[in-house]
């Protein structure tokens, strides 16, 4: 057994909650360059791009929980990834009812 993760107050303070237009999802497949296939909570699978501000600072892997902002057009098929949650933040989201998948 490993050490138990301790949720620090700093991680929860930095937590970005979904806005009414945003949706949570799980990265299913990395498609190359800056594209990721994401299974979203609203039932759609979207091809999302990693926005430029995150591209070199945050690495996204398959199975990560991400925050997706659907595009104004092609809302069912396209979107932008605007945040990646840590494991502690995912546990907090599940406990408070934000994440159901």
PDB file of N, CA and C in Angstrom:
ATOM      1  N   UNK A   1       0.839  -1.180   0.000  1.00  0.00           N
ATOM      2  CA  UNK A   1       0.000   0.000   0.000  1.00  0.00           C
ATOM      3  C   UNK A   1       0.882   1.241   0.000  1.00  0.00           C
ATOM      4  N   UNK A   2       0.420   2.243  -0.654  1.00  0.00           N
ATOM      5  CA  UNK A   2       1.153   3.490  -0.696  1.00  0.00           C
ATOM      6  C   UNK A   2       0.612   4.463   0.329  1.00  0.00           C
ATOM      7  N   UNK A   3       1.151   5.652   0.284  1.00  0.00           N
ATOM      8  CA  UNK A   3       0.674   6.689   1.192  1.00  0.00           C
ATOM      9  C   UNK A   3      -0.696   7.168   0.764  1.00  0.00           C
ATOM     10  N   UNK A   4      -1.484   7.569   1.716  1.00  0.00           N
ATOM     11  CA  UNK A   4      -2.800   8.108   1.409  1.00  0.00           C
ATOM     12  C   UNK A   4      -2.653   9.567   0.984  1.00  0.00           C
ATOM     13  N   UNK A   5      -3.343   9.921  -0.095  1.00  0.00           N
ATOM     14  CA  UNK A   5      -3.295  11.303  -0.585  1.00  0.00           C
ATOM     15  C   UNK A   5      -4.042  12.201   0.380  1.00  0.00           C
ATOM     16  N   UNK A   6      -3.413  13.292   0.746  1.00  0.00           N
ATOM     17  CA  UNK A   6      -4.045  14.276   1.616  1.00  0.00           C
ATOM     18  C   UNK A   6      -4.500  15.435   0.743  1.00  0.00           C
ATOM     19  N   UNK A   7      -5.783  15.762   0.838  1.00  0.00           N
ATOM     20  CA  UNK A   7      -6.316  16.876   0.060  1.00  0.00           C
ATOM     21  C   UNK A   7      -5.927  18.160   0.766  1.00  0.00           C
ATOM     22  N   UNK A   8      -5.128  18.951   0.091  1.00  0.00           N
ATOM     23  CA  UNK A   8      -4.713  20.209   0.699  1.00  0.00           C
ATOM     24  C   UNK A   8      -5.720  21.297   0.356  1.00  0.00           C
ATOM     25  N   UNK A   9      -5.773  22.289   1.184  1.00  0.00           N
ATOM     26  CA  UNK A   9      -6.699  23.405   0.961  1.00  0.00           C
ATOM     27  C   UNK A   9      -6.334  24.174  -0.307  1.00  0.00           C
ATOM     28  N   UNK A  10      -5.043  24.225  -0.659  1.00  0.00           N
ATOM     29  CA  UNK A  10      -4.626  24.949  -1.851  1.00  0.00           C
ATOM     30  C   UNK A  10      -5.203  24.321  -3.113  1.00  0.00           C
ATOM     31  N   UNK A  11      -5.237  22.966  -3.169  1.00  0.00           N
ATOM     32  CA  UNK A  11      -5.774  22.299  -4.346  1.00  0.00           C
ATOM     33  C   UNK A  11      -7.253  22.601  -4.519  1.00  0.00           C
ATOM     34  N   UNK A  12      -7.988  22.655  -3.430  1.00  0.00           N
ATOM     35  CA  UNK A  12      -9.425  22.925  -3.525  1.00  0.00           C
ATOM     36  C   UNK A  12      -9.666  24.396  -3.836  1.00  0.00           C
ATOM     37  N   UNK A  13      -8.817  25.289  -3.342  1.00  0.00           N
ATOM     38  CA  UNK A  13      -8.967  26.709  -3.664  1.00  0.00           C
ATOM     39  C   UNK A  13      -8.748  26.960  -5.147  1.00  0.00           C
ATOM     40  N   UNK A  14      -7.808  26.229  -5.751  1.00  0.00           N
ATOM     41  CA  UNK A  14      -7.508  26.408  -7.161  1.00  0.00           C
ATOM     42  C   UNK A  14      -8.494  25.680  -8.070  1.00  0.00           C
ATOM     43  N   UNK A  15      -9.473  25.027  -7.510  1.00  0.00           N
ATOM     44  CA  UNK A  15     -10.442  24.252  -8.269  1.00  0.00           C
ATOM     45  C   UNK A  15     -11.313  25.164  -9.131  1.00  0.00           C
ATOM     46  N   UNK A  16     -11.433  24.827 -10.416  1.00  0.00           N
ATOM     47  CA  UNK A  16     -12.278  25.586 -11.338  1.00  0.00           C
ATOM     48  C   UNK A  16     -13.574  24.810 -11.513  1.00  0.00           C
ATOM     49  N   UNK A  17     -14.675  25.392 -11.100  1.00  0.00           N
ATOM     50  CA  UNK A  17     -15.980  24.741 -11.231  1.00  0.00           C
ATOM     51  C   UNK A  17     -16.568  25.035 -12.598  1.00  0.00           C
ATOM     52  N   UNK A  18     -17.383  24.115 -13.133  1.00  0.00           N
ATOM     53  CA  UNK A  18     -17.953  24.339 -14.460  1.00  0.00           C
ATOM     54  C   UNK A  18     -18.973  25.480 -14.468  1.00  0.00           C
ATOM     55  N   UNK A  19     -18.859  26.333 -15.473  1.00  0.00           N
ATOM     56  CA  UNK A  19     -19.846  27.398 -15.698  1.00  0.00           C
ATOM     57  C   UNK A  19     -21.082  26.764 -16.342  1.00  0.00           C
ATOM     58  N   UNK A  20     -22.192  27.495 -16.432  1.00  0.00           N
ATOM     59  CA  UNK A  20     -23.398  26.912 -17.048  1.00  0.00           C
ATOM     60  C   UNK A  20     -23.186  26.415 -18.484  1.00  0.00           C
ATOM     61  N   UNK A  21     -22.276  27.027 -19.224  1.00  0.00           N
ATOM     62  CA  UNK A  21     -22.052  26.599 -20.606  1.00  0.00           C
ATOM     63  C   UNK A  21     -21.000  25.495 -20.721  1.00  0.00           C
ATOM     64  N   UNK A  22     -20.249  25.212 -19.647  1.00  0.00           N
ATOM     65  CA  UNK A  22     -19.183  24.209 -19.679  1.00  0.00           C
ATOM     66  C   UNK A  22     -19.711  22.848 -19.249  1.00  0.00           C
ATOM     67  N   UNK A  23     -18.961  21.801 -19.601  1.00  0.00           N
ATOM     68  CA  UNK A  23     -19.351  20.441 -19.263  1.00  0.00           C
ATOM     69  C   UNK A  23     -18.101  19.646 -18.870  1.00  0.00           C
ATOM     70  N   UNK A  24     -18.256  18.714 -17.946  1.00  0.00           N
ATOM     71  CA  UNK A  24     -17.156  17.845 -17.533  1.00  0.00           C
ATOM     72  C   UNK A  24     -17.089  16.624 -18.439  1.00  0.00           C
ATOM     73  N   UNK A  25     -15.886  16.079 -18.611  1.00  0.00           N
ATOM     74  CA  UNK A  25     -15.726  14.899 -19.441  1.00  0.00           C
ATOM     75  C   UNK A  25     -14.460  14.151 -19.097  1.00  0.00           C
ATOM     76  N   UNK A  26     -14.335  12.968 -19.706  1.00  0.00           N
ATOM     77  CA  UNK A  26     -13.162  12.118 -19.495  1.00  0.00           C
ATOM     78  C   UNK A  26     -12.448  11.956 -20.823  1.00  0.00           C
ATOM     79  N   UNK A  27     -11.136  12.171 -20.829  1.00  0.00           N
ATOM     80  CA  UNK A  27     -10.336  12.001 -22.039  1.00  0.00           C
ATOM     81  C   UNK A  27     -10.286  10.521 -22.394  1.00  0.00           C
ATOM     82  N   UNK A  28     -10.804  10.180 -23.569  1.00  0.00           N
ATOM     83  CA  UNK A  28     -10.895   8.788 -23.996  1.00  0.00           C
ATOM     84  C   UNK A  28      -9.690   8.398 -24.846  1.00  0.00           C
ATOM     85  N   UNK A  29      -9.315   9.276 -25.787  1.00  0.00           N
ATOM     86  CA  UNK A  29      -8.248   8.923 -26.718  1.00  0.00           C
ATOM     87  C   UNK A  29      -7.494  10.175 -27.131  1.00  0.00           C
ATOM     88  N   UNK A  30      -6.168  10.069 -27.185  1.00  0.00           N
ATOM     89  CA  UNK A  30      -5.341  11.158 -27.675  1.00  0.00           C
ATOM     90  C   UNK A  30      -5.217  11.008 -29.189  1.00  0.00           C
ATOM     91  N   UNK A  31      -5.578  12.065 -29.924  1.00  0.00           N
ATOM     92  CA  UNK A  31      -5.632  11.981 -31.380  1.00  0.00           C
ATOM     93  C   UNK A  31      -4.407  12.570 -32.061  1.00  0.00           C
ATOM     94  N   UNK A  32      -3.514  13.155 -31.321  1.00  0.00           N
ATOM     95  CA  UNK A  32      -2.313  13.729 -31.909  1.00  0.00           C
ATOM     96  C   UNK A  32      -2.373  15.237 -31.950  1.00  0.00           C
ATOM     97  N   UNK A  33      -1.208  15.857 -31.988  1.00  0.00           N
ATOM     98  CA  UNK A  33      -1.023  17.297 -31.950  1.00  0.00           C
ATOM     99  C   UNK A  33      -1.687  17.853 -30.698  1.00  0.00           C
ATOM    100  N   UNK A  34      -2.780  18.590 -30.807  1.00  0.00           N
ATOM    101  CA  UNK A  34      -3.430  19.128 -29.613  1.00  0.00           C
ATOM    102  C   UNK A  34      -4.889  18.694 -29.543  1.00  0.00           C
ATOM    103  N   UNK A  35      -5.210  17.547 -30.115  1.00  0.00           N
ATOM    104  CA  UNK A  35      -6.593  17.070 -30.163  1.00  0.00           C
ATOM    105  C   UNK A  35      -6.777  15.865 -29.239  1.00  0.00           C
ATOM    106  N   UNK A  36      -7.948  15.835 -28.566  1.00  0.00           N
ATOM    107  CA  UNK A  36      -8.280  14.755 -27.645  1.00  0.00           C
ATOM    108  C   UNK A  36      -9.754  14.407 -27.845  1.00  0.00           C
ATOM    109  N   UNK A  37     -10.073  13.114 -27.875  1.00  0.00           N
ATOM    110  CA  UNK A  37     -11.469  12.675 -27.917  1.00  0.00           C
ATOM    111  C   UNK A  37     -11.957  12.589 -26.477  1.00  0.00           C
ATOM    112  N   UNK A  38     -13.032  13.332 -26.161  1.00  0.00           N
ATOM    113  CA  UNK A  38     -13.532  13.431 -24.790  1.00  0.00           C
ATOM    114  C   UNK A  38     -14.972  12.952 -24.741  1.00  0.00           C
ATOM    115  N   UNK A  39     -15.268  12.039 -23.797  1.00  0.00           N
ATOM    116  CA  UNK A  39     -16.649  11.605 -23.549  1.00  0.00           C
ATOM    117  C   UNK A  39     -17.213  12.519 -22.479  1.00  0.00           C
ATOM    118  N   UNK A  40     -18.186  13.344 -22.869  1.00  0.00           N
ATOM    119  CA  UNK A  40     -18.707  14.376 -21.982  1.00  0.00           C
ATOM    120  C   UNK A  40     -19.895  13.874 -21.184  1.00  0.00           C
ATOM    121  N   UNK A  41     -20.194  14.587 -20.116  1.00  0.00           N
ATOM    122  CA  UNK A  41     -21.258  14.217 -19.202  1.00  0.00           C
ATOM    123  C   UNK A  41     -22.647  14.372 -19.812  1.00  0.00           C
ATOM    124  N   UNK A  42     -22.778  15.200 -20.839  1.00  0.00           N
ATOM    125  CA  UNK A  42     -24.080  15.400 -21.462  1.00  0.00           C
ATOM    126  C   UNK A  42     -24.385  14.367 -22.541  1.00  0.00           C
ATOM    127  N   UNK A  43     -23.529  13.339 -22.669  1.00  0.00           N
ATOM    128  CA  UNK A  43     -23.804  12.237 -23.578  1.00  0.00           C
ATOM    129  C   UNK A  43     -23.114  12.310 -24.925  1.00  0.00           C
ATOM    130  N   UNK A  44     -22.455  13.391 -25.245  1.00  0.00           N
ATOM    131  CA  UNK A  44     -21.781  13.538 -26.526  1.00  0.00           C
ATOM    132  C   UNK A  44     -20.308  13.181 -26.401  1.00  0.00           C
ATOM    133  N   UNK A  45     -19.731  12.715 -27.522  1.00  0.00           N
ATOM    134  CA  UNK A  45     -18.284  12.549 -27.617  1.00  0.00           C
ATOM    135  C   UNK A  45     -17.782  13.675 -28.491  1.00  0.00           C
ATOM    136  N   UNK A  46     -16.890  14.479 -27.967  1.00  0.00           N
ATOM    137  CA  UNK A  46     -16.395  15.654 -28.683  1.00  0.00           C
ATOM    138  C   UNK A  46     -14.914  15.518 -28.983  1.00  0.00           C
ATOM    139  N   UNK A  47     -14.530  16.014 -30.156  1.00  0.00           N
ATOM    140  CA  UNK A  47     -13.124  16.160 -30.479  1.00  0.00           C
ATOM    141  C   UNK A  47     -12.737  17.541 -29.953  1.00  0.00           C
ATOM    142  N   UNK A  48     -11.909  17.550 -28.932  1.00  0.00           N
ATOM    143  CA  UNK A  48     -11.557  18.805 -28.266  1.00  0.00           C
ATOM    144  C   UNK A  48     -10.095  19.124 -28.516  1.00  0.00           C
ATOM    145  N   UNK A  49      -9.812  20.399 -28.553  1.00  0.00           N
ATOM    146  CA  UNK A  49      -8.423  20.820 -28.673  1.00  0.00           C
ATOM    147  C   UNK A  49      -7.974  21.389 -27.331  1.00  0.00           C
ATOM    148  N   UNK A  50      -6.691  21.226 -27.059  1.00  0.00           N
ATOM    149  CA  UNK A  50      -6.114  21.769 -25.838  1.00  0.00           C
ATOM    150  C   UNK A  50      -5.771  23.223 -26.124  1.00  0.00           C
ATOM    151  N   UNK A  51      -6.310  24.123 -25.342  1.00  0.00           N
ATOM    152  CA  UNK A  51      -6.067  25.533 -25.632  1.00  0.00           C
ATOM    153  C   UNK A  51      -4.595  25.862 -25.426  1.00  0.00           C
ATOM    154  N   UNK A  52      -4.136  26.905 -26.107  1.00  0.00           N
ATOM    155  CA  UNK A  52      -2.719  27.234 -26.156  1.00  0.00           C
ATOM    156  C   UNK A  52      -2.088  27.531 -24.817  1.00  0.00           C
ATOM    157  N   UNK A  53      -2.850  28.113 -23.908  1.00  0.00           N
ATOM    158  CA  UNK A  53      -2.321  28.457 -22.584  1.00  0.00           C
ATOM    159  C   UNK A  53      -1.945  27.199 -21.798  1.00  0.00           C
ATOM    160  N   UNK A  54      -2.645  26.089 -22.051  1.00  0.00           N
ATOM    161  CA  UNK A  54      -2.399  24.847 -21.325  1.00  0.00           C
ATOM    162  C   UNK A  54      -1.424  23.917 -22.039  1.00  0.00           C
ATOM    163  N   UNK A  55      -1.221  24.126 -23.317  1.00  0.00           N
ATOM    164  CA  UNK A  55      -0.584  23.125 -24.165  1.00  0.00           C
ATOM    165  C   UNK A  55       0.761  22.632 -23.642  1.00  0.00           C
ATOM    166  N   UNK A  56       1.620  23.511 -23.184  1.00  0.00           N
ATOM    167  CA  UNK A  56       2.947  23.092 -22.734  1.00  0.00           C
ATOM    168  C   UNK A  56       3.080  23.025 -21.219  1.00  0.00           C
ATOM    169  N   UNK A  57       2.064  23.452 -20.501  1.00  0.00           N
ATOM    170  CA  UNK A  57       2.140  23.463 -19.034  1.00  0.00           C
ATOM    171  C   UNK A  57       1.490  22.243 -18.394  1.00  0.00           C
ATOM    172  N   UNK A  58       0.436  21.730 -19.018  1.00  0.00           N
ATOM    173  CA  UNK A  58      -0.337  20.628 -18.445  1.00  0.00           C
ATOM    174  C   UNK A  58      -0.396  19.493 -19.455  1.00  0.00           C
ATOM    175  N   UNK A  59      -0.027  18.291 -19.024  1.00  0.00           N
ATOM    176  CA  UNK A  59      -0.091  17.131 -19.896  1.00  0.00           C
ATOM    177  C   UNK A  59      -1.375  16.383 -19.614  1.00  0.00           C
ATOM    178  N   UNK A  60      -2.100  16.043 -20.655  1.00  0.00           N
ATOM    179  CA  UNK A  60      -3.369  15.328 -20.518  1.00  0.00           C
ATOM    180  C   UNK A  60      -3.159  13.895 -20.991  1.00  0.00           C
ATOM    181  N   UNK A  61      -3.616  12.948 -20.165  1.00  0.00           N
ATOM    182  CA  UNK A  61      -3.513  11.525 -20.470  1.00  0.00           C
ATOM    183  C   UNK A  61      -4.906  10.937 -20.597  1.00  0.00           C
ATOM    184  N   UNK A  62      -4.994   9.734 -21.137  1.00  0.00           N
ATOM    185  CA  UNK A  62      -6.281   9.045 -21.230  1.00  0.00           C
ATOM    186  C   UNK A  62      -6.779   8.757 -19.824  1.00  0.00           C
ATOM    187  N   UNK A  63      -8.060   9.005 -19.596  1.00  0.00           N
ATOM    188  CA  UNK A  63      -8.657   8.777 -18.289  1.00  0.00           C
ATOM    189  C   UNK A  63      -8.705  10.001 -17.396  1.00  0.00           C
ATOM    190  N   UNK A  64      -8.076  11.094 -17.805  1.00  0.00           N
ATOM    191  CA  UNK A  64      -8.108  12.330 -17.013  1.00  0.00           C
ATOM    192  C   UNK A  64      -9.480  12.991 -17.122  1.00  0.00           C
ATOM    193  N   UNK A  65      -9.920  13.585 -16.033  1.00  0.00           N
ATOM    194  CA  UNK A  65     -11.164  14.354 -16.024  1.00  0.00           C
ATOM    195  C   UNK A  65     -10.820  15.785 -16.408  1.00  0.00           C
ATOM    196  N   UNK A  66     -11.540  16.301 -17.415  1.00  0.00           N
ATOM    197  CA  UNK A  66     -11.246  17.629 -17.950  1.00  0.00           C
ATOM    198  C   UNK A  66     -12.535  18.454 -18.007  1.00  0.00           C
ATOM    199  N   UNK A  67     -12.350  19.759 -18.077  1.00  0.00           N
ATOM    200  CA  UNK A  67     -13.463  20.695 -18.238  1.00  0.00           C
ATOM    201  C   UNK A  67     -13.469  21.156 -19.685  1.00  0.00           C
ATOM    202  N   UNK A  68     -14.619  20.969 -20.357  1.00  0.00           N
ATOM    203  CA  UNK A  68     -14.740  21.252 -21.786  1.00  0.00           C
ATOM    204  C   UNK A  68     -15.684  22.424 -21.993  1.00  0.00           C
ATOM    205  N   UNK A  69     -15.276  23.332 -22.847  1.00  0.00           N
ATOM    206  CA  UNK A  69     -16.129  24.435 -23.270  1.00  0.00           C
ATOM    207  C   UNK A  69     -16.550  24.173 -24.712  1.00  0.00           C
ATOM    208  N   UNK A  70     -17.809  23.746 -24.947  1.00  0.00           N
ATOM    209  CA  UNK A  70     -18.245  23.474 -26.327  1.00  0.00           C
ATOM    210  C   UNK A  70     -18.206  24.735 -27.182  1.00  0.00           C
ATOM    211  N   UNK A  71     -17.920  24.539 -28.469  1.00  0.00           N
ATOM    212  CA  UNK A  71     -17.888  25.656 -29.393  1.00  0.00           C
ATOM    213  C   UNK A  71     -19.295  26.195 -29.610  1.00  0.00           C
ATOM    214  N   UNK A  72     -19.398  27.436 -30.071  1.00  0.00           N
ATOM    215  CA  UNK A  72     -20.703  28.033 -30.365  1.00  0.00           C
ATOM    216  C   UNK A  72     -21.388  27.326 -31.525  1.00  0.00           C
ATOM    217  N   UNK A  73     -20.626  26.918 -32.521  1.00  0.00           N
ATOM    218  CA  UNK A  73     -21.161  26.114 -33.600  1.00  0.00           C
ATOM    219  C   UNK A  73     -20.576  24.715 -33.451  1.00  0.00           C
ATOM    220  N   UNK A  74     -21.201  23.715 -33.993  1.00  0.00           N
ATOM    221  CA  UNK A  74     -20.798  22.312 -33.831  1.00  0.00           C
ATOM    222  C   UNK A  74     -20.705  21.948 -32.353  1.00  0.00           C
ATOM    223  N   UNK A  75     -21.712  22.339 -31.569  1.00  0.00           N
ATOM    224  CA  UNK A  75     -21.649  22.139 -30.121  1.00  0.00           C
ATOM    225  C   UNK A  75     -21.629  20.670 -29.725  1.00  0.00           C
ATOM    226  N   UNK A  76     -22.199  19.793 -30.553  1.00  0.00           N
ATOM    227  CA  UNK A  76     -22.224  18.371 -30.200  1.00  0.00           C
ATOM    228  C   UNK A  76     -20.936  17.639 -30.566  1.00  0.00           C
ATOM    229  N   UNK A  77     -20.108  18.233 -31.430  1.00  0.00           N
ATOM    230  CA  UNK A  77     -18.939  17.497 -31.909  1.00  0.00           C
ATOM    231  C   UNK A  77     -17.602  18.135 -31.563  1.00  0.00           C
ATOM    232  N   UNK A  78     -17.557  19.416 -31.222  1.00  0.00           N
ATOM    233  CA  UNK A  78     -16.289  20.100 -31.003  1.00  0.00           C
ATOM    234  C   UNK A  78     -16.281  20.885 -29.695  1.00  0.00           C
ATOM    235  N   UNK A  79     -15.082  21.108 -29.153  1.00  0.00           N
ATOM    236  CA  UNK A  79     -14.951  21.901 -27.938  1.00  0.00           C
ATOM    237  C   UNK A  79     -13.490  22.190 -27.615  1.00  0.00           C
ATOM    238  N   UNK A  80     -13.286  22.983 -26.586  1.00  0.00           N
ATOM    239  CA  UNK A  80     -11.951  23.322 -26.095  1.00  0.00           C
ATOM    240  C   UNK A  80     -11.785  22.780 -24.686  1.00  0.00           C
ATOM    241  N   UNK A  81     -10.630  22.197 -24.399  1.00  0.00           N
ATOM    242  CA  UNK A  81     -10.314  21.770 -23.031  1.00  0.00           C
ATOM    243  C   UNK A  81      -9.738  22.984 -22.316  1.00  0.00           C
ATOM    244  N   UNK A  82     -10.383  23.366 -21.202  1.00  0.00           N
ATOM    245  CA  UNK A  82      -9.918  24.560 -20.502  1.00  0.00           C
ATOM    246  C   UNK A  82      -9.337  24.256 -19.125  1.00  0.00           C
ATOM    247  N   UNK A  83      -9.469  23.006 -18.631  1.00  0.00           N
ATOM    248  CA  UNK A  83      -8.911  22.672 -17.315  1.00  0.00           C
ATOM    249  C   UNK A  83      -8.782  21.164 -17.179  1.00  0.00           C
ATOM    250  N   UNK A  84      -7.722  20.714 -16.489  1.00  0.00           N
ATOM    251  CA  UNK A  84      -7.557  19.302 -16.134  1.00  0.00           C
ATOM    252  C   UNK A  84      -7.551  19.203 -14.622  1.00  0.00           C
ATOM    253  N   UNK A  85      -8.332  18.290 -14.085  1.00  0.00           N
ATOM    254  CA  UNK A  85      -8.457  18.126 -12.637  1.00  0.00           C
ATOM    255  C   UNK A  85      -7.477  17.080 -12.124  1.00  0.00           C
ATOM    256  N   UNK A  86      -6.950  17.311 -10.911  1.00  0.00           N
ATOM    257  CA  UNK A  86      -6.094  16.330 -10.242  1.00  0.00           C
ATOM    258  C   UNK A  86      -6.984  15.274  -9.590  1.00  0.00           C
ATOM    259  N   UNK A  87      -6.379  14.203  -9.100  1.00  0.00           N
ATOM    260  CA  UNK A  87      -7.157  13.126  -8.486  1.00  0.00           C
ATOM    261  C   UNK A  87      -7.918  13.608  -7.256  1.00  0.00           C
ATOM    262  N   UNK A  88      -7.289  14.444  -6.454  1.00  0.00           N
ATOM    263  CA  UNK A  88      -7.949  14.971  -5.260  1.00  0.00           C
ATOM    264  C   UNK A  88      -9.143  15.848  -5.645  1.00  0.00           C
ATOM    265  N   UNK A  89      -8.982  16.628  -6.702  1.00  0.00           N
ATOM    266  CA  UNK A  89     -10.081  17.478  -7.150  1.00  0.00           C
ATOM    267  C   UNK A  89     -11.219  16.647  -7.723  1.00  0.00           C
ATOM    268  N   UNK A  90     -10.909  15.531  -8.397  1.00  0.00           N
ATOM    269  CA  UNK A  90     -11.946  14.649  -8.944  1.00  0.00           C
ATOM    270  C   UNK A  90     -12.758  14.035  -7.808  1.00  0.00           C
ATOM    271  N   UNK A  91     -12.070  13.614  -6.742  1.00  0.00           N
ATOM    272  CA  UNK A  91     -12.787  13.069  -5.577  1.00  0.00           C
ATOM    273  C   UNK A  91     -13.719  14.114  -4.986  1.00  0.00           C
ATOM    274  N   UNK A  92     -13.279  15.363  -4.896  1.00  0.00           N
ATOM    275  CA  UNK A  92     -14.103  16.442  -4.355  1.00  0.00           C
ATOM    276  C   UNK A  92     -15.312  16.691  -5.255  1.00  0.00           C
ATOM    277  N   UNK A  93     -15.106  16.672  -6.582  1.00  0.00           N
ATOM    278  CA  UNK A  93     -16.212  16.877  -7.525  1.00  0.00           C
ATOM    279  C   UNK A  93     -17.252  15.761  -7.413  1.00  0.00           C
ATOM    280  N   UNK A  94     -16.786  14.511  -7.259  1.00  0.00           N
ATOM    281  CA  UNK A  94     -17.727  13.386  -7.117  1.00  0.00           C
ATOM    282  C   UNK A  94     -18.508  13.489  -5.809  1.00  0.00           C
ATOM    283  N   UNK A  95     -17.803  13.855  -4.749  1.00  0.00           N
ATOM    284  CA  UNK A  95     -18.449  13.938  -3.432  1.00  0.00           C
ATOM    285  C   UNK A  95     -19.513  15.041  -3.396  1.00  0.00           C
ATOM    286  N   UNK A  96     -19.294  16.123  -4.124  1.00  0.00           N
ATOM    287  CA  UNK A  96     -20.240  17.242  -4.110  1.00  0.00           C
ATOM    288  C   UNK A  96     -21.230  17.205  -5.262  1.00  0.00           C
ATOM    289  N   UNK A  97     -21.248  16.132  -6.062  1.00  0.00           N
ATOM    290  CA  UNK A  97     -22.290  15.940  -7.054  1.00  0.00           C
ATOM    291  C   UNK A  97     -22.078  16.606  -8.398  1.00  0.00           C
ATOM    292  N   UNK A  98     -20.903  17.139  -8.670  1.00  0.00           N
ATOM    293  CA  UNK A  98     -20.642  17.753  -9.967  1.00  0.00           C
ATOM    294  C   UNK A  98     -20.355  16.694 -11.044  1.00  0.00           C
ATOM    295  N   UNK A  99     -19.697  15.623 -10.651  1.00  0.00           N
ATOM    296  CA  UNK A  99     -19.266  14.581 -11.600  1.00  0.00           C
ATOM    297  C   UNK A  99     -20.103  13.326 -11.404  1.00  0.00           C
ATOM    298  N   UNK A 100     -20.751  12.874 -12.464  1.00  0.00           N
ATOM    299  CA  UNK A 100     -21.601  11.681 -12.355  1.00  0.00           C
ATOM    300  C   UNK A 100     -21.109  10.527 -13.217  1.00  0.00           C
ATOM    301  N   UNK A 101     -20.108  10.763 -14.093  1.00  0.00           N
ATOM    302  CA  UNK A 101     -19.637   9.668 -14.953  1.00  0.00           C
ATOM    303  C   UNK A 101     -18.423   9.000 -14.353  1.00  0.00           C
TER     304      UNK A 101
END
